[in-house]
PDB file of N, CA and C in Angstrom:
ATOM      1  N   MET A   1      32.323   6.563 -47.876  1.00  0.00           N
ATOM      2  CA  MET A   1      32.249   5.622 -46.772  1.00  0.00           C
ATOM      3  C   MET A   1      32.018   6.393 -45.467  1.00  0.00           C
ATOM      4  N   ILE A   2      31.172   5.859 -44.582  1.00  0.00           N
ATOM      5  CA  ILE A   2      30.821   6.503 -43.310  1.00  0.00           C
ATOM      6  C   ILE A   2      31.926   6.206 -42.289  1.00  0.00           C
ATOM      7  N   PRO A   3      32.417   7.237 -41.579  1.00  0.00           N
ATOM      8  CA  PRO A   3      33.440   7.010 -40.565  1.00  0.00           C
ATOM      9  C   PRO A   3      32.911   6.092 -39.456  1.00  0.00           C
ATOM     10  N   ARG A   4      33.787   5.324 -38.867  1.00  0.00           N
ATOM     11  CA  ARG A   4      33.391   4.350 -37.829  1.00  0.00           C
ATOM     12  C   ARG A   4      32.771   5.026 -36.611  1.00  0.00           C
ATOM     13  N   HIS A   5      33.319   6.150 -36.176  1.00  0.00           N
ATOM     14  CA  HIS A   5      32.780   6.805 -34.979  1.00  0.00           C
ATOM     15  C   HIS A   5      31.361   7.334 -35.236  1.00  0.00           C
ATOM     16  N   ALA A   6      31.062   7.780 -36.439  1.00  0.00           N
ATOM     17  CA  ALA A   6      29.712   8.232 -36.770  1.00  0.00           C
ATOM     18  C   ALA A   6      28.750   7.049 -36.782  1.00  0.00           C
ATOM     19  N   LEU A   7      29.194   5.922 -37.296  1.00  0.00           N
ATOM     20  CA  LEU A   7      28.373   4.717 -37.309  1.00  0.00           C
ATOM     21  C   LEU A   7      28.107   4.221 -35.896  1.00  0.00           C
ATOM     22  N   LEU A   8      29.139   4.253 -35.057  1.00  0.00           N
ATOM     23  CA  LEU A   8      29.002   3.837 -33.662  1.00  0.00           C
ATOM     24  C   LEU A   8      28.058   4.774 -32.913  1.00  0.00           C
ATOM     25  N   ALA A   9      28.210   6.068 -33.104  1.00  0.00           N
ATOM     26  CA  ALA A   9      27.357   7.043 -32.424  1.00  0.00           C
ATOM     27  C   ALA A   9      25.899   6.893 -32.854  1.00  0.00           C
ATOM     28  N   SER A  10      25.678   6.713 -34.144  1.00  0.00           N
ATOM     29  CA  SER A  10      24.301   6.557 -34.598  1.00  0.00           C
ATOM     30  C   SER A  10      23.690   5.247 -34.100  1.00  0.00           C
ATOM     31  N   SER A  11      24.491   4.202 -34.000  1.00  0.00           N
ATOM     32  CA  SER A  11      23.994   2.921 -33.471  1.00  0.00           C
ATOM     33  C   SER A  11      23.608   3.053 -32.007  1.00  0.00           C
ATOM     34  N   LEU A  12      24.430   3.733 -31.225  1.00  0.00           N
ATOM     35  CA  LEU A  12      24.114   3.948 -29.811  1.00  0.00           C
ATOM     36  C   LEU A  12      22.871   4.809 -29.645  1.00  0.00           C
ATOM     37  N   ALA A  13      22.742   5.826 -30.479  1.00  0.00           N
ATOM     38  CA  ALA A  13      21.565   6.687 -30.412  1.00  0.00           C
ATOM     39  C   ALA A  13      20.303   5.886 -30.714  1.00  0.00           C
ATOM     40  N   VAL A  14      20.361   5.026 -31.709  1.00  0.00           N
ATOM     41  CA  VAL A  14      19.203   4.206 -32.060  1.00  0.00           C
ATOM     42  C   VAL A  14      18.841   3.274 -30.915  1.00  0.00           C
ATOM     43  N   LEU A  15      19.839   2.657 -30.298  1.00  0.00           N
ATOM     44  CA  LEU A  15      19.573   1.746 -29.181  1.00  0.00           C
ATOM     45  C   LEU A  15      18.945   2.477 -27.997  1.00  0.00           C
ATOM     46  N   CYS A  16      19.447   3.656 -27.690  1.00  0.00           N
ATOM     47  CA  CYS A  16      18.938   4.405 -26.540  1.00  0.00           C
ATOM     48  C   CYS A  16      17.560   4.998 -26.794  1.00  0.00           C
ATOM     49  N   LEU A  17      17.309   5.444 -27.986  1.00  0.00           N
ATOM     50  CA  LEU A  17      16.064   6.142 -28.281  1.00  0.00           C
ATOM     51  C   LEU A  17      14.918   5.222 -28.656  1.00  0.00           C
ATOM     52  N   THR A  18      15.196   3.983 -28.962  1.00  0.00           N
ATOM     53  CA  THR A  18      14.114   3.078 -29.357  1.00  0.00           C
ATOM     54  C   THR A  18      13.525   2.323 -28.185  1.00  0.00           C
ATOM     55  N   GLY A  19      14.012   2.575 -26.991  1.00  0.00           N
ATOM     56  CA  GLY A  19      13.458   1.913 -25.819  1.00  0.00           C
ATOM     57  C   GLY A  19      13.934   0.494 -25.668  1.00  0.00           C
ATOM     58  N   CYS A  20      15.154   0.248 -26.061  1.00  0.00           N
ATOM     59  CA  CYS A  20      15.655  -1.121 -25.947  1.00  0.00           C
ATOM     60  C   CYS A  20      15.706  -1.525 -24.476  1.00  0.00           C
ATOM     61  N   GLY A  21      15.664  -2.777 -24.217  1.00  0.00           N
ATOM     62  CA  GLY A  21      15.641  -3.293 -22.856  1.00  0.00           C
ATOM     63  C   GLY A  21      16.973  -3.252 -22.146  1.00  0.00           C
ATOM     64  N   LEU A  22      18.005  -2.790 -22.819  1.00  0.00           N
ATOM     65  CA  LEU A  22      19.327  -2.761 -22.218  1.00  0.00           C
ATOM     66  C   LEU A  22      19.371  -1.863 -20.991  1.00  0.00           C
ATOM     67  N   PHE A  23      18.665  -0.730 -21.034  1.00  0.00           N
ATOM     68  CA  PHE A  23      18.721   0.234 -19.944  1.00  0.00           C
ATOM     69  C   PHE A  23      17.430   0.286 -19.132  1.00  0.00           C
ATOM     70  N   SER A  24      16.543  -0.645 -19.348  1.00  0.00           N
ATOM     71  CA  SER A  24      15.273  -0.608 -18.633  1.00  0.00           C
ATOM     72  C   SER A  24      15.451  -1.087 -17.200  1.00  0.00           C
ATOM     73  N   LYS A  25      14.542  -0.635 -16.367  1.00  0.00           N
ATOM     74  CA  LYS A  25      14.568  -1.048 -14.967  1.00  0.00           C
ATOM     75  C   LYS A  25      14.113  -2.493 -14.860  1.00  0.00           C
ATOM     76  N   LYS A  26      14.704  -3.190 -13.967  1.00  0.00           N
ATOM     77  CA  LYS A  26      14.329  -4.583 -13.746  1.00  0.00           C
ATOM     78  C   LYS A  26      13.036  -4.625 -12.937  1.00  0.00           C
ATOM     79  N   ASP A  27      12.289  -5.683 -13.126  1.00  0.00           N
ATOM     80  CA  ASP A  27      11.054  -5.838 -12.363  1.00  0.00           C
ATOM     81  C   ASP A  27      11.390  -5.986 -10.890  1.00  0.00           C
ATOM     82  N   ARG A  28      10.677  -5.214 -10.101  1.00  0.00           N
ATOM     83  CA  ARG A  28      10.857  -5.301  -8.651  1.00  0.00           C
ATOM     84  C   ARG A  28       9.973  -6.424  -8.120  1.00  0.00           C
ATOM     85  N   PRO A  29      10.427  -7.095  -7.091  1.00  0.00           N
ATOM     86  CA  PRO A  29       9.552  -8.114  -6.504  1.00  0.00           C
ATOM     87  C   PRO A  29       8.335  -7.443  -5.868  1.00  0.00           C
ATOM     88  N   LYS A  30       7.197  -8.078  -5.988  1.00  0.00           N
ATOM     89  CA  LYS A  30       5.981  -7.520  -5.413  1.00  0.00           C
ATOM     90  C   LYS A  30       6.049  -7.579  -3.900  1.00  0.00           C
ATOM     91  N   GLU A  31       5.449  -6.550  -3.285  1.00  0.00           N
ATOM     92  CA  GLU A  31       5.407  -6.534  -1.831  1.00  0.00           C
ATOM     93  C   GLU A  31       4.476  -7.637  -1.345  1.00  0.00           C
ATOM     94  N   SER A  32       4.802  -8.145  -0.207  1.00  0.00           N
ATOM     95  CA  SER A  32       3.994  -9.195   0.373  1.00  0.00           C
ATOM     96  C   SER A  32       2.654  -8.631   0.823  1.00  0.00           C
ATOM     97  N   SER A  33       1.585  -9.365   0.595  1.00  0.00           N
ATOM     98  CA  SER A  33       0.283  -8.903   1.057  1.00  0.00           C
ATOM     99  C   SER A  33       0.201  -8.950   2.577  1.00  0.00           C
ATOM    100  N   ALA A  34       1.115  -9.698   3.200  1.00  0.00           N
ATOM    101  CA  ALA A  34       1.141  -9.751   4.661  1.00  0.00           C
ATOM    102  C   ALA A  34       1.453  -8.378   5.248  1.00  0.00           C
ATOM    103  N   ILE A  35       2.232  -7.575   4.524  1.00  0.00           N
ATOM    104  CA  ILE A  35       2.562  -6.233   5.002  1.00  0.00           C
ATOM    105  C   ILE A  35       1.316  -5.363   5.029  1.00  0.00           C
ATOM    106  N   SER A  36       0.526  -5.414   3.972  1.00  0.00           N
ATOM    107  CA  SER A  36      -0.676  -4.588   3.943  1.00  0.00           C
ATOM    108  C   SER A  36      -1.696  -5.066   4.977  1.00  0.00           C
ATOM    109  N   VAL A  37      -1.794  -6.358   5.178  1.00  0.00           N
ATOM    110  CA  VAL A  37      -2.709  -6.876   6.201  1.00  0.00           C
ATOM    111  C   VAL A  37      -2.248  -6.420   7.585  1.00  0.00           C
ATOM    112  N   GLU A  38      -0.946  -6.438   7.795  1.00  0.00           N
ATOM    113  CA  GLU A  38      -0.400  -5.988   9.080  1.00  0.00           C
ATOM    114  C   GLU A  38      -0.696  -4.501   9.299  1.00  0.00           C
ATOM    115  N   ASN A  39      -0.547  -3.693   8.253  1.00  0.00           N
ATOM    116  CA  ASN A  39      -0.852  -2.268   8.363  1.00  0.00           C
ATOM    117  C   ASN A  39      -2.329  -2.034   8.616  1.00  0.00           C
ATOM    118  N   GLU A  40      -3.176  -2.772   7.925  1.00  0.00           N
ATOM    119  CA  GLU A  40      -4.618  -2.630   8.140  1.00  0.00           C
ATOM    120  C   GLU A  40      -4.994  -3.022   9.564  1.00  0.00           C
ATOM    121  N   GLU A  41      -4.411  -4.087  10.060  1.00  0.00           N
ATOM    122  CA  GLU A  41      -4.716  -4.528  11.420  1.00  0.00           C
ATOM    123  C   GLU A  41      -4.259  -3.482  12.436  1.00  0.00           C
ATOM    124  N   ASN A  42      -3.093  -2.907  12.213  1.00  0.00           N
ATOM    125  CA  ASN A  42      -2.584  -1.855  13.094  1.00  0.00           C
ATOM    126  C   ASN A  42      -3.537  -0.660  13.087  1.00  0.00           C
ATOM    127  N   PHE A  43      -3.967  -0.255  11.889  1.00  0.00           N
ATOM    128  CA  PHE A  43      -4.916   0.851  11.780  1.00  0.00           C
ATOM    129  C   PHE A  43      -6.212   0.523  12.498  1.00  0.00           C
ATOM    130  N   ARG A  44      -6.740  -0.686  12.302  1.00  0.00           N
ATOM    131  CA  ARG A  44      -8.000  -1.090  12.951  1.00  0.00           C
ATOM    132  C   ARG A  44      -7.875  -1.014  14.462  1.00  0.00           C
ATOM    133  N   GLN A  45      -6.788  -1.554  14.996  1.00  0.00           N
ATOM    134  CA  GLN A  45      -6.603  -1.561  16.448  1.00  0.00           C
ATOM    135  C   GLN A  45      -6.549  -0.140  17.012  1.00  0.00           C
ATOM    136  N   ARG A  46      -5.787   0.724  16.335  1.00  0.00           N
ATOM    137  CA  ARG A  46      -5.680   2.109  16.824  1.00  0.00           C
ATOM    138  C   ARG A  46      -7.013   2.841  16.710  1.00  0.00           C
ATOM    139  N   TRP A  47      -7.746   2.627  15.602  1.00  0.00           N
ATOM    140  CA  TRP A  47      -9.024   3.298  15.397  1.00  0.00           C
ATOM    141  C   TRP A  47     -10.044   2.835  16.441  1.00  0.00           C
ATOM    142  N   VAL A  48     -10.127   1.532  16.634  1.00  0.00           N
ATOM    143  CA  VAL A  48     -11.088   0.984  17.602  1.00  0.00           C
ATOM    144  C   VAL A  48     -10.734   1.439  19.017  1.00  0.00           C
ATOM    145  N   GLN A  49      -9.451   1.458  19.351  1.00  0.00           N
ATOM    146  CA  GLN A  49      -9.028   1.906  20.681  1.00  0.00           C
ATOM    147  C   GLN A  49      -9.428   3.353  20.918  1.00  0.00           C
ATOM    148  N   ARG A  50      -9.149   4.212  19.943  1.00  0.00           N
ATOM    149  CA  ARG A  50      -9.482   5.635  20.099  1.00  0.00           C
ATOM    150  C   ARG A  50     -10.993   5.842  20.197  1.00  0.00           C
ATOM    151  N   ARG A  51     -11.747   5.147  19.345  1.00  0.00           N
ATOM    152  CA  ARG A  51     -13.209   5.298  19.373  1.00  0.00           C
ATOM    153  C   ARG A  51     -13.785   4.746  20.673  1.00  0.00           C
ATOM    154  N   SER A  52     -13.212   3.654  21.174  1.00  0.00           N
ATOM    155  CA  SER A  52     -13.662   3.091  22.452  1.00  0.00           C
ATOM    156  C   SER A  52     -13.454   4.092  23.578  1.00  0.00           C
ATOM    157  N   GLU A  53     -12.303   4.743  23.567  1.00  0.00           N
ATOM    158  CA  GLU A  53     -12.019   5.744  24.602  1.00  0.00           C
ATOM    159  C   GLU A  53     -12.997   6.912  24.527  1.00  0.00           C
ATOM    160  N   GLU A  54     -13.359   7.308  23.306  1.00  0.00           N
ATOM    161  CA  GLU A  54     -14.344   8.382  23.139  1.00  0.00           C
ATOM    162  C   GLU A  54     -15.696   7.962  23.709  1.00  0.00           C
ATOM    163  N   LEU A  55     -16.098   6.734  23.428  1.00  0.00           N
ATOM    164  CA  LEU A  55     -17.390   6.243  23.909  1.00  0.00           C
ATOM    165  C   LEU A  55     -17.406   6.111  25.430  1.00  0.00           C
ATOM    166  N   VAL A  56     -16.305   5.645  26.006  1.00  0.00           N
ATOM    167  CA  VAL A  56     -16.221   5.524  27.471  1.00  0.00           C
ATOM    168  C   VAL A  56     -16.304   6.910  28.098  1.00  0.00           C
ATOM    169  N   ALA A  57     -15.673   7.895  27.480  1.00  0.00           N
ATOM    170  CA  ALA A  57     -15.732   9.265  27.990  1.00  0.00           C
ATOM    171  C   ALA A  57     -17.161   9.815  27.942  1.00  0.00           C
ATOM    172  N   GLN A  58     -17.980   9.274  27.033  1.00  0.00           N
ATOM    173  CA  GLN A  58     -19.379   9.693  26.931  1.00  0.00           C
ATOM    174  C   GLN A  58     -20.282   8.912  27.877  1.00  0.00           C
ATOM    175  N   GLY A  59     -19.695   7.941  28.610  1.00  0.00           N
ATOM    176  CA  GLY A  59     -20.463   7.221  29.613  1.00  0.00           C
ATOM    177  C   GLY A  59     -20.872   5.811  29.227  1.00  0.00           C
ATOM    178  N   VAL A  60     -20.404   5.296  28.133  1.00  0.00           N
ATOM    179  CA  VAL A  60     -20.723   3.931  27.718  1.00  0.00           C
ATOM    180  C   VAL A  60     -19.801   2.974  28.467  1.00  0.00           C
ATOM    181  N   ALA A  61     -20.311   1.811  28.867  1.00  0.00           N
ATOM    182  CA  ALA A  61     -19.498   0.812  29.557  1.00  0.00           C
ATOM    183  C   ALA A  61     -18.361   0.354  28.637  1.00  0.00           C
ATOM    184  N   ALA A  62     -17.220  -0.036  29.231  1.00  0.00           N
ATOM    185  CA  ALA A  62     -16.008  -0.362  28.467  1.00  0.00           C
ATOM    186  C   ALA A  62     -16.236  -1.480  27.451  1.00  0.00           C
ATOM    187  N   GLU A  63     -16.872  -2.581  27.868  1.00  0.00           N
ATOM    188  CA  GLU A  63     -17.098  -3.701  26.949  1.00  0.00           C
ATOM    189  C   GLU A  63     -18.053  -3.317  25.823  1.00  0.00           C
ATOM    190  N   ALA A  64     -19.090  -2.586  26.170  1.00  0.00           N
ATOM    191  CA  ALA A  64     -20.054  -2.153  25.153  1.00  0.00           C
ATOM    192  C   ALA A  64     -19.390  -1.162  24.186  1.00  0.00           C
ATOM    193  N   ALA A  65     -18.525  -0.316  24.710  1.00  0.00           N
ATOM    194  CA  ALA A  65     -17.814   0.651  23.866  1.00  0.00           C
ATOM    195  C   ALA A  65     -16.899  -0.071  22.889  1.00  0.00           C
ATOM    196  N   GLN A  66     -16.214  -1.098  23.358  1.00  0.00           N
ATOM    197  CA  GLN A  66     -15.318  -1.870  22.492  1.00  0.00           C
ATOM    198  C   GLN A  66     -16.101  -2.549  21.372  1.00  0.00           C
ATOM    199  N   ALA A  67     -17.239  -3.150  21.718  1.00  0.00           N
ATOM    200  CA  ALA A  67     -18.065  -3.825  20.712  1.00  0.00           C
ATOM    201  C   ALA A  67     -18.645  -2.821  19.717  1.00  0.00           C
ATOM    202  N   GLN A  68     -19.114  -1.694  20.219  1.00  0.00           N
ATOM    203  CA  GLN A  68     -19.686  -0.674  19.334  1.00  0.00           C
ATOM    204  C   GLN A  68     -18.610  -0.110  18.402  1.00  0.00           C
ATOM    205  N   ALA A  69     -17.419   0.116  18.921  1.00  0.00           N
ATOM    206  CA  ALA A  69     -16.333   0.642  18.089  1.00  0.00           C
ATOM    207  C   ALA A  69     -15.963  -0.358  16.990  1.00  0.00           C
ATOM    208  N   GLY A  70     -15.932  -1.629  17.317  1.00  0.00           N
ATOM    209  CA  GLY A  70     -15.642  -2.653  16.311  1.00  0.00           C
ATOM    210  C   GLY A  70     -16.700  -2.681  15.221  1.00  0.00           C
ATOM    211  N   ASN A  71     -17.966  -2.560  15.617  1.00  0.00           N
ATOM    212  CA  ASN A  71     -19.054  -2.531  14.634  1.00  0.00           C
ATOM    213  C   ASN A  71     -18.981  -1.283  13.763  1.00  0.00           C
ATOM    214  N   GLU A  72     -18.682  -0.145  14.379  1.00  0.00           N
ATOM    215  CA  GLU A  72     -18.565   1.095  13.612  1.00  0.00           C
ATOM    216  C   GLU A  72     -17.413   1.007  12.612  1.00  0.00           C
ATOM    217  N   PHE A  73     -16.321   0.381  13.014  1.00  0.00           N
ATOM    218  CA  PHE A  73     -15.181   0.232  12.109  1.00  0.00           C
ATOM    219  C   PHE A  73     -15.572  -0.602  10.891  1.00  0.00           C
ATOM    220  N   ARG A  74     -16.253  -1.730  11.119  1.00  0.00           N
ATOM    221  CA  ARG A  74     -16.665  -2.596  10.010  1.00  0.00           C
ATOM    222  C   ARG A  74     -17.653  -1.888   9.081  1.00  0.00           C
ATOM    223  N   GLU A  75     -18.517  -1.039   9.646  1.00  0.00           N
ATOM    224  CA  GLU A  75     -19.458  -0.283   8.813  1.00  0.00           C
ATOM    225  C   GLU A  75     -18.743   0.795   7.998  1.00  0.00           C
ATOM    226  N   ARG A  76     -17.790   1.459   8.623  1.00  0.00           N
ATOM    227  CA  ARG A  76     -17.107   2.571   7.968  1.00  0.00           C
ATOM    228  C   ARG A  76     -16.077   2.097   6.940  1.00  0.00           C
ATOM    229  N   TYR A  77     -15.409   0.988   7.218  1.00  0.00           N
ATOM    230  CA  TYR A  77     -14.351   0.470   6.345  1.00  0.00           C
ATOM    231  C   TYR A  77     -14.635  -0.978   5.941  1.00  0.00           C
ATOM    232  N   PRO A  78     -15.718  -1.221   5.202  1.00  0.00           N
ATOM    233  CA  PRO A  78     -16.080  -2.605   4.862  1.00  0.00           C
ATOM    234  C   PRO A  78     -15.107  -3.270   3.893  1.00  0.00           C
ATOM    235  N   TYR A  79     -14.318  -2.484   3.175  1.00  0.00           N
ATOM    236  CA  TYR A  79     -13.395  -3.022   2.177  1.00  0.00           C
ATOM    237  C   TYR A  79     -12.085  -3.509   2.772  1.00  0.00           C
ATOM    238  N   MET A  80     -11.844  -3.218   4.041  1.00  0.00           N
ATOM    239  CA  MET A  80     -10.562  -3.603   4.656  1.00  0.00           C
ATOM    240  C   MET A  80     -10.617  -5.065   5.117  1.00  0.00           C
ATOM    241  N   ARG A  81      -9.545  -5.775   4.857  1.00  0.00           N
ATOM    242  CA  ARG A  81      -9.463  -7.176   5.267  1.00  0.00           C
ATOM    243  C   ARG A  81      -9.374  -7.295   6.775  1.00  0.00           C
ATOM    244  N   ALA A  82      -8.758  -6.311   7.428  1.00  0.00           N
ATOM    245  CA  ALA A  82      -8.578  -6.372   8.877  1.00  0.00           C
ATOM    246  C   ALA A  82      -9.910  -6.300   9.625  1.00  0.00           C
ATOM    247  N   GLY A  83     -10.922  -5.696   9.013  1.00  0.00           N
ATOM    248  CA  GLY A  83     -12.200  -5.565   9.662  1.00  0.00           C
ATOM    249  C   GLY A  83     -13.059  -6.806   9.577  1.00  0.00           C
ATOM    250  N   ARG A  84     -12.670  -7.762   8.763  1.00  0.00           N
ATOM    251  CA  ARG A  84     -13.474  -8.986   8.578  1.00  0.00           C
ATOM    252  C   ARG A  84     -13.040 -10.042   9.570  1.00  0.00           C
ATOM    253  N   LYS A  85     -13.930 -10.373  10.437  1.00  0.00           N
ATOM    254  CA  LYS A  85     -13.626 -11.439  11.408  1.00  0.00           C
ATOM    255  C   LYS A  85     -14.880 -12.203  11.729  1.00  0.00           C
TER     256      LYS A  85
END
């Protein structure tokens, strides 16, 4: 007859080594897409602002620099949701 502690130990080993769901991580809630849109918008604003300042330093009028920077952003990052307007 098999001792009880050996049976218990082997049962625990089987449960742990077979990938039972007892010790698995719980599903995490998905992040909101609003967070990624907010990050993309923040990146777009900072990129366009910096590029506009570069263009103004080169002698381009402020409004034209802003429009050109926005167009350059959409060309460079067409996959970003923040660039679509």
